[in-house]
PDB file of N, CA and C in Angstrom:
ATOM      1  N   UNK A   1     -13.659  -6.320  -5.824  1.00  0.00           N
ATOM      2  CA  UNK A   1     -12.759  -6.726  -5.350  1.00  0.00           C
ATOM      3  C   UNK A   1     -12.082  -8.013  -6.065  1.00  0.00           C
ATOM      4  N   UNK A   2     -13.229  -8.190  -7.416  1.00  0.00           N
ATOM      5  CA  UNK A   2     -12.563  -9.029  -8.435  1.00  0.00           C
ATOM      6  C   UNK A   2     -11.565  -8.622  -9.241  1.00  0.00           C
ATOM      7  N   UNK A   3     -11.481  -7.424  -9.053  1.00  0.00           N
ATOM      8  CA  UNK A   3     -10.360  -6.768 -10.014  1.00  0.00           C
ATOM      9  C   UNK A   3      -8.976  -6.852  -9.177  1.00  0.00           C
ATOM     10  N   UNK A   4      -9.280  -6.607  -7.748  1.00  0.00           N
ATOM     11  CA  UNK A   4      -8.091  -6.960  -6.772  1.00  0.00           C
ATOM     12  C   UNK A   4      -7.449  -8.493  -6.937  1.00  0.00           C
ATOM     13  N   UNK A   5      -8.527  -9.071  -7.016  1.00  0.00           N
ATOM     14  CA  UNK A   5      -8.146 -10.792  -6.913  1.00  0.00           C
ATOM     15  C   UNK A   5      -7.535 -11.168  -8.180  1.00  0.00           C
ATOM     16  N   UNK A   6      -8.033 -10.614  -9.347  1.00  0.00           N
ATOM     17  CA  UNK A   6      -7.282 -10.873 -10.872  1.00  0.00           C
ATOM     18  C   UNK A   6      -6.055 -10.279 -11.202  1.00  0.00           C
ATOM     19  N   UNK A   7      -5.685  -9.381 -10.489  1.00  0.00           N
ATOM     20  CA  UNK A   7      -4.357  -8.290 -10.327  1.00  0.00           C
ATOM     21  C   UNK A   7      -3.484  -9.410  -9.538  1.00  0.00           C
ATOM     22  N   UNK A   8      -3.805  -9.478  -8.725  1.00  0.00           N
ATOM     23  CA  UNK A   8      -3.023 -10.101  -7.449  1.00  0.00           C
ATOM     24  C   UNK A   8      -2.488 -11.683  -8.501  1.00  0.00           C
ATOM     25  N   UNK A   9      -3.678 -12.494  -8.942  1.00  0.00           N
ATOM     26  CA  UNK A   9      -3.717 -14.023  -9.168  1.00  0.00           C
ATOM     27  C   UNK A   9      -2.326 -13.538 -10.959  1.00  0.00           C
ATOM     28  N   UNK A  10      -2.459 -12.701 -11.422  1.00  0.00           N
ATOM     29  CA  UNK A  10      -1.989 -11.941 -12.733  1.00  0.00           C
ATOM     30  C   UNK A  10      -0.445 -11.598 -12.147  1.00  0.00           C
ATOM     31  N   UNK A  11      -0.048 -10.947 -11.014  1.00  0.00           N
ATOM     32  CA  UNK A  11       1.103 -10.741 -10.461  1.00  0.00           C
ATOM     33  C   UNK A  11       1.869 -12.134 -10.407  1.00  0.00           C
ATOM     34  N   UNK A  12       1.230 -12.799  -9.225  1.00  0.00           N
ATOM     35  CA  UNK A  12       1.923 -14.138  -9.321  1.00  0.00           C
ATOM     36  C   UNK A  12       2.281 -15.032 -10.170  1.00  0.00           C
ATOM     37  N   UNK A  13       1.355 -14.932 -10.965  1.00  0.00           N
ATOM     38  CA  UNK A  13       1.574 -16.113 -12.186  1.00  0.00           C
ATOM     39  C   UNK A  13       3.101 -15.816 -13.213  1.00  0.00           C
ATOM     40  N   UNK A  14       2.970 -14.022 -12.830  1.00  0.00           N
ATOM     41  CA  UNK A  14       3.971 -13.158 -13.927  1.00  0.00           C
ATOM     42  C   UNK A  14       5.174 -13.958 -13.071  1.00  0.00           C
ATOM     43  N   UNK A  15       5.254 -13.370 -11.586  1.00  0.00           N
ATOM     44  CA  UNK A  15       6.489 -13.332 -11.096  1.00  0.00           C
ATOM     45  C   UNK A  15       6.882 -15.240 -11.035  1.00  0.00           C
ATOM     46  N   UNK A  16       6.484 -16.100 -11.126  1.00  0.00           N
ATOM     47  CA  UNK A  16       6.643 -17.225 -10.683  1.00  0.00           C
ATOM     48  C   UNK A  16       7.274 -17.331 -12.430  1.00  0.00           C
ATOM     49  N   UNK A  17       6.328 -17.042 -13.375  1.00  0.00           N
ATOM     50  CA  UNK A  17       6.916 -17.709 -14.650  1.00  0.00           C
ATOM     51  C   UNK A  17       8.165 -17.039 -14.886  1.00  0.00           C
ATOM     52  N   UNK A  18       8.318 -15.646 -14.769  1.00  0.00           N
ATOM     53  CA  UNK A  18       9.696 -14.583 -15.065  1.00  0.00           C
ATOM     54  C   UNK A  18      10.459 -15.109 -14.126  1.00  0.00           C
ATOM     55  N   UNK A  19      10.620 -15.838 -12.940  1.00  0.00           N
ATOM     56  CA  UNK A  19      11.925 -15.917 -11.462  1.00  0.00           C
ATOM     57  C   UNK A  19      12.619 -16.893 -12.639  1.00  0.00           C
ATOM     58  N   UNK A  20      12.731 -16.928 -13.625  1.00  0.00           N
ATOM     59  CA  UNK A  20      14.003 -18.226 -14.607  1.00  0.00           C
ATOM     60  C   UNK A  20      14.994 -16.788 -15.000  1.00  0.00           C
ATOM     61  N   UNK A  21      14.421 -15.629 -15.332  1.00  0.00           N
ATOM     62  CA  UNK A  21      14.958 -14.600 -16.243  1.00  0.00           C
ATOM     63  C   UNK A  21      15.968 -13.647 -15.051  1.00  0.00           C
ATOM     64  N   UNK A  22      15.336 -13.824 -13.494  1.00  0.00           N
ATOM     65  CA  UNK A  22      16.524 -12.973 -12.717  1.00  0.00           C
ATOM     66  C   UNK A  22      15.834 -11.533 -12.605  1.00  0.00           C
ATOM     67  N   UNK A  23      14.785 -11.395 -13.759  1.00  0.00           N
ATOM     68  CA  UNK A  23      14.576  -9.778 -13.611  1.00  0.00           C
ATOM     69  C   UNK A  23      13.163  -9.778 -13.191  1.00  0.00           C
ATOM     70  N   UNK A  24      12.308 -11.065 -12.505  1.00  0.00           N
ATOM     71  CA  UNK A  24      10.950 -10.683 -12.127  1.00  0.00           C
ATOM     72  C   UNK A  24      10.295  -9.655 -11.665  1.00  0.00           C
ATOM     73  N   UNK A  25      11.196  -9.307 -10.550  1.00  0.00           N
ATOM     74  CA  UNK A  25      10.408  -7.908 -10.020  1.00  0.00           C
ATOM     75  C   UNK A  25      10.286  -6.732 -11.331  1.00  0.00           C
ATOM     76  N   UNK A  26      11.158  -6.109 -12.011  1.00  0.00           N
ATOM     77  CA  UNK A  26      11.105  -4.814 -12.589  1.00  0.00           C
ATOM     78  C   UNK A  26       9.747  -5.764 -13.971  1.00  0.00           C
ATOM     79  N   UNK A  27      10.002  -6.567 -14.490  1.00  0.00           N
ATOM     80  CA  UNK A  27       9.222  -6.974 -15.699  1.00  0.00           C
ATOM     81  C   UNK A  27       7.676  -7.067 -15.204  1.00  0.00           C
ATOM     82  N   UNK A  28       7.546  -7.733 -14.181  1.00  0.00           N
ATOM     83  CA  UNK A  28       6.296  -8.203 -13.273  1.00  0.00           C
ATOM     84  C   UNK A  28       5.668  -6.622 -13.666  1.00  0.00           C
ATOM     85  N   UNK A  29       6.414  -5.844 -12.675  1.00  0.00           N
ATOM     86  CA  UNK A  29       5.698  -4.623 -12.735  1.00  0.00           C
ATOM     87  C   UNK A  29       5.374  -3.752 -14.312  1.00  0.00           C
ATOM     88  N   UNK A  30       6.179  -4.011 -15.125  1.00  0.00           N
ATOM     89  CA  UNK A  30       5.965  -3.285 -16.216  1.00  0.00           C
ATOM     90  C   UNK A  30       5.192  -3.600 -16.532  1.00  0.00           C
ATOM     91  N   UNK A  31       4.854  -5.372 -16.845  1.00  0.00           N
ATOM     92  CA  UNK A  31       3.649  -5.971 -17.718  1.00  0.00           C
ATOM     93  C   UNK A  31       2.563  -5.692 -16.710  1.00  0.00           C
ATOM     94  N   UNK A  32       2.268  -5.558 -15.572  1.00  0.00           N
ATOM     95  CA  UNK A  32       1.329  -5.414 -15.086  1.00  0.00           C
ATOM     96  C   UNK A  32       0.872  -3.750 -15.233  1.00  0.00           C
ATOM     97  N   UNK A  33       1.803  -2.709 -15.326  1.00  0.00           N
ATOM     98  CA  UNK A  33       1.290  -1.224 -15.416  1.00  0.00           C
ATOM     99  C   UNK A  33       0.949  -1.349 -16.387  1.00  0.00           C
ATOM    100  N   UNK A  34       1.416  -2.264 -18.124  1.00  0.00           N
ATOM    101  CA  UNK A  34       1.060  -2.018 -19.181  1.00  0.00           C
ATOM    102  C   UNK A  34      -0.335  -2.528 -19.141  1.00  0.00           C
ATOM    103  N   UNK A  35      -0.854  -3.773 -18.406  1.00  0.00           N
ATOM    104  CA  UNK A  35      -2.454  -4.330 -18.623  1.00  0.00           C
ATOM    105  C   UNK A  35      -3.063  -2.969 -17.813  1.00  0.00           C
ATOM    106  N   UNK A  36      -2.627  -2.747 -16.976  1.00  0.00           N
ATOM    107  CA  UNK A  36      -3.870  -1.904 -16.226  1.00  0.00           C
ATOM    108  C   UNK A  36      -4.151  -0.665 -16.837  1.00  0.00           C
ATOM    109  N   UNK A  37      -2.952  -0.248 -17.175  1.00  0.00           N
ATOM    110  CA  UNK A  37      -3.092   1.176 -18.438  1.00  0.00           C
ATOM    111  C   UNK A  37      -4.116   1.043 -19.573  1.00  0.00           C
ATOM    112  N   UNK A  38      -3.670  -0.279 -20.203  1.00  0.00           N
ATOM    113  CA  UNK A  38      -4.864  -0.573 -21.350  1.00  0.00           C
ATOM    114  C   UNK A  38      -5.840  -0.944 -21.061  1.00  0.00           C
ATOM    115  N   UNK A  39      -6.147  -1.582 -20.124  1.00  0.00           N
ATOM    116  CA  UNK A  39      -7.843  -1.913 -19.513  1.00  0.00           C
ATOM    117  C   UNK A  39      -8.193  -0.646 -19.176  1.00  0.00           C
ATOM    118  N   UNK A  40      -7.812  -0.119 -18.227  1.00  0.00           N
ATOM    119  CA  UNK A  40      -8.521   1.395 -17.929  1.00  0.00           C
ATOM    120  C   UNK A  40      -8.838   2.244 -19.136  1.00  0.00           C
ATOM    121  N   UNK A  41      -7.847   2.383 -19.909  1.00  0.00           N
ATOM    122  CA  UNK A  41      -7.433   3.388 -21.180  1.00  0.00           C
ATOM    123  C   UNK A  41      -9.115   2.871 -22.246  1.00  0.00           C
ATOM    124  N   UNK A  42      -9.024   1.629 -22.503  1.00  0.00           N
ATOM    125  CA  UNK A  42     -10.071   0.863 -23.276  1.00  0.00           C
ATOM    126  C   UNK A  42     -11.302   1.081 -22.805  1.00  0.00           C
ATOM    127  N   UNK A  43     -11.507   0.698 -21.705  1.00  0.00           N
ATOM    128  CA  UNK A  43     -12.811   0.536 -21.240  1.00  0.00           C
ATOM    129  C   UNK A  43     -13.366   2.355 -21.032  1.00  0.00           C
ATOM    130  N   UNK A  44     -12.521   3.334 -20.822  1.00  0.00           N
ATOM    131  CA  UNK A  44     -13.072   4.296 -20.484  1.00  0.00           C
ATOM    132  C   UNK A  44     -12.952   4.862 -21.966  1.00  0.00           C
ATOM    133  N   UNK A  45     -12.193   4.546 -22.790  1.00  0.00           N
ATOM    134  CA  UNK A  45     -12.797   5.022 -24.602  1.00  0.00           C
ATOM    135  C   UNK A  45     -14.172   4.512 -24.930  1.00  0.00           C
ATOM    136  N   UNK A  46     -14.095   3.161 -24.638  1.00  0.00           N
ATOM    137  CA  UNK A  46     -15.731   2.494 -25.018  1.00  0.00           C
ATOM    138  C   UNK A  46     -16.509   3.214 -24.357  1.00  0.00           C
ATOM    139  N   UNK A  47     -16.724   3.917 -23.109  1.00  0.00           N
ATOM    140  CA  UNK A  47     -17.710   5.012 -22.618  1.00  0.00           C
ATOM    141  C   UNK A  47     -17.690   5.773 -22.748  1.00  0.00           C
ATOM    142  N   UNK A  48     -16.242   6.415 -23.874  1.00  0.00           N
ATOM    143  CA  UNK A  48     -16.694   7.797 -24.154  1.00  0.00           C
ATOM    144  C   UNK A  48     -16.618   8.887 -23.393  1.00  0.00           C
ATOM    145  N   UNK A  49     -15.110   8.203 -21.908  1.00  0.00           N
ATOM    146  CA  UNK A  49     -14.958   9.472 -21.521  1.00  0.00           C
ATOM    147  C   UNK A  49     -14.171  10.355 -22.000  1.00  0.00           C
ATOM    148  N   UNK A  50     -14.528  11.746 -21.418  1.00  0.00           N
ATOM    149  CA  UNK A  50     -13.795  13.160 -22.326  1.00  0.00           C
ATOM    150  C   UNK A  50     -12.690  13.504 -22.199  1.00  0.00           C
ATOM    151  N   UNK A  51     -12.391  13.032 -20.678  1.00  0.00           N
ATOM    152  CA  UNK A  51     -10.867  13.232 -20.341  1.00  0.00           C
ATOM    153  C   UNK A  51     -10.442  12.137 -20.008  1.00  0.00           C
ATOM    154  N   UNK A  52      -9.856  11.078 -20.871  1.00  0.00           N
ATOM    155  CA  UNK A  52      -9.516   9.767 -19.994  1.00  0.00           C
ATOM    156  C   UNK A  52      -8.142   9.658 -18.876  1.00  0.00           C
ATOM    157  N   UNK A  53      -7.076  10.323 -19.436  1.00  0.00           N
ATOM    158  CA  UNK A  53      -5.928  10.517 -18.619  1.00  0.00           C
ATOM    159  C   UNK A  53      -6.119  10.856 -17.415  1.00  0.00           C
ATOM    160  N   UNK A  54      -6.812  12.306 -17.142  1.00  0.00           N
ATOM    161  CA  UNK A  54      -7.368  12.478 -15.910  1.00  0.00           C
ATOM    162  C   UNK A  54      -7.969  11.496 -15.161  1.00  0.00           C
ATOM    163  N   UNK A  55      -9.287  10.849 -15.946  1.00  0.00           N
ATOM    164  CA  UNK A  55      -9.717  10.443 -14.988  1.00  0.00           C
ATOM    165  C   UNK A  55      -8.907   8.860 -14.514  1.00  0.00           C
ATOM    166  N   UNK A  56      -8.342   8.152 -15.513  1.00  0.00           N
ATOM    167  CA  UNK A  56      -7.634   6.848 -14.971  1.00  0.00           C
ATOM    168  C   UNK A  56      -6.100   7.370 -14.029  1.00  0.00           C
ATOM    169  N   UNK A  57      -5.579   8.244 -14.315  1.00  0.00           N
ATOM    170  CA  UNK A  57      -4.413   8.198 -13.539  1.00  0.00           C
ATOM    171  C   UNK A  57      -4.535   8.140 -12.103  1.00  0.00           C
ATOM    172  N   UNK A  58      -5.299   8.978 -11.109  1.00  0.00           N
ATOM    173  CA  UNK A  58      -5.310   8.484  -9.797  1.00  0.00           C
ATOM    174  C   UNK A  58      -5.574   7.109  -9.492  1.00  0.00           C
ATOM    175  N   UNK A  59      -6.241   6.541 -10.184  1.00  0.00           N
ATOM    176  CA  UNK A  59      -6.249   4.844 -10.171  1.00  0.00           C
ATOM    177  C   UNK A  59      -5.509   4.032 -10.438  1.00  0.00           C
ATOM    178  N   UNK A  60      -4.857   4.357 -11.484  1.00  0.00           N
ATOM    179  CA  UNK A  60      -3.390   3.921 -11.892  1.00  0.00           C
ATOM    180  C   UNK A  60      -2.222   4.073 -10.952  1.00  0.00           C
ATOM    181  N   UNK A  61      -2.030   5.177 -10.410  1.00  0.00           N
ATOM    182  CA  UNK A  61      -1.277   5.503  -9.491  1.00  0.00           C
ATOM    183  C   UNK A  61      -0.939   4.714  -8.072  1.00  0.00           C
ATOM    184  N   UNK A  62      -2.361   4.489  -7.616  1.00  0.00           N
ATOM    185  CA  UNK A  62      -2.714   3.860  -6.574  1.00  0.00           C
ATOM    186  C   UNK A  62      -2.491   1.944  -6.888  1.00  0.00           C
ATOM    187  N   UNK A  63      -2.901   1.813  -8.346  1.00  0.00           N
ATOM    188  CA  UNK A  63      -2.854   0.815  -8.380  1.00  0.00           C
ATOM    189  C   UNK A  63      -1.088  -0.184  -8.816  1.00  0.00           C
ATOM    190  N   UNK A  64      -0.301   1.178  -9.170  1.00  0.00           N
ATOM    191  CA  UNK A  64       0.678   1.219  -9.039  1.00  0.00           C
ATOM    192  C   UNK A  64       1.514   1.158  -7.602  1.00  0.00           C
ATOM    193  N   UNK A  65       1.279   1.750  -6.635  1.00  0.00           N
ATOM    194  CA  UNK A  65       1.641   1.706  -6.055  1.00  0.00           C
ATOM    195  C   UNK A  65       1.025   0.301  -4.869  1.00  0.00           C
ATOM    196  N   UNK A  66       0.596  -0.434  -5.023  1.00  0.00           N
ATOM    197  CA  UNK A  66       0.213  -1.761  -4.887  1.00  0.00           C
ATOM    198  C   UNK A  66       0.900  -2.629  -5.645  1.00  0.00           C
ATOM    199  N   UNK A  67       1.159  -2.540  -7.141  1.00  0.00           N
ATOM    200  CA  UNK A  67       1.255  -3.517  -7.709  1.00  0.00           C
ATOM    201  C   UNK A  67       2.968  -3.977  -7.002  1.00  0.00           C
ATOM    202  N   UNK A  68       4.217  -2.506  -6.628  1.00  0.00           N
ATOM    203  CA  UNK A  68       4.980  -2.580  -6.543  1.00  0.00           C
ATOM    204  C   UNK A  68       5.565  -3.053  -5.559  1.00  0.00           C
ATOM    205  N   UNK A  69       4.682  -2.658  -4.114  1.00  0.00           N
ATOM    206  CA  UNK A  69       4.589  -3.120  -3.056  1.00  0.00           C
ATOM    207  C   UNK A  69       4.524  -4.553  -3.074  1.00  0.00           C
ATOM    208  N   UNK A  70       3.500  -4.817  -3.240  1.00  0.00           N
ATOM    209  CA  UNK A  70       2.951  -6.638  -3.643  1.00  0.00           C
ATOM    210  C   UNK A  70       4.029  -7.487  -4.448  1.00  0.00           C
ATOM    211  N   UNK A  71       4.651  -7.103  -5.499  1.00  0.00           N
ATOM    212  CA  UNK A  71       5.401  -7.763  -5.967  1.00  0.00           C
ATOM    213  C   UNK A  71       6.842  -7.840  -5.378  1.00  0.00           C
ATOM    214  N   UNK A  72       7.471  -6.477  -4.450  1.00  0.00           N
ATOM    215  CA  UNK A  72       8.860  -6.270  -3.979  1.00  0.00           C
ATOM    216  C   UNK A  72       8.501  -7.590  -3.035  1.00  0.00           C
ATOM    217  N   UNK A  73       7.577  -7.568  -2.009  1.00  0.00           N
ATOM    218  CA  UNK A  73       7.075  -8.533  -0.768  1.00  0.00           C
ATOM    219  C   UNK A  73       7.176  -9.897  -1.568  1.00  0.00           C
ATOM    220  N   UNK A  74       6.063 -10.487  -2.218  1.00  0.00           N
ATOM    221  CA  UNK A  74       6.416 -11.650  -2.751  1.00  0.00           C
ATOM    222  C   UNK A  74       7.831 -12.271  -3.159  1.00  0.00           C
ATOM    223  N   UNK A  75       8.660 -11.050  -4.265  1.00  0.00           N
ATOM    224  CA  UNK A  75       9.718 -11.522  -4.409  1.00  0.00           C
ATOM    225  C   UNK A  75      11.180 -11.875  -2.972  1.00  0.00           C
ATOM    226  N   UNK A  76      10.423 -11.290  -1.812  1.00  0.00           N
ATOM    227  CA  UNK A  76      11.120 -11.099  -0.713  1.00  0.00           C
ATOM    228  C   UNK A  76      11.041 -12.423   0.069  1.00  0.00           C
ATOM    229  N   UNK A  77       9.700 -12.860  -0.259  1.00  0.00           N
ATOM    230  CA  UNK A  77       8.893 -14.059   0.413  1.00  0.00           C
ATOM    231  C   UNK A  77       9.636 -15.478  -0.375  1.00  0.00           C
ATOM    232  N   UNK A  78       9.698 -15.281  -1.341  1.00  0.00           N
ATOM    233  CA  UNK A  78      10.030 -16.401  -2.496  1.00  0.00           C
ATOM    234  C   UNK A  78      11.523 -16.659  -2.014  1.00  0.00           C
ATOM    235  N   UNK A  79      12.147 -15.524  -1.796  1.00  0.00           N
ATOM    236  CA  UNK A  79      14.042 -15.555  -2.030  1.00  0.00           C
ATOM    237  C   UNK A  79      14.654 -16.429  -1.111  1.00  0.00           C
TER     238      UNK A  79
END
């Protein structure tokens, strides 16, 4: 729950800050993707997970679907 709230807050913050560029949707999605991947990878690396990519890929895909749908919907609401 805290992770979803934090990610949603970051998406809204980035979308708002990047709205002046005209590319807020793709930039927000890419930045959030990098943050999600690096966070998951780092945590699993520290924990000593043997197959990191196999471990984080399913959650990463679900997170990116959520991110894409949320940012596109947010952009429609603010337009």
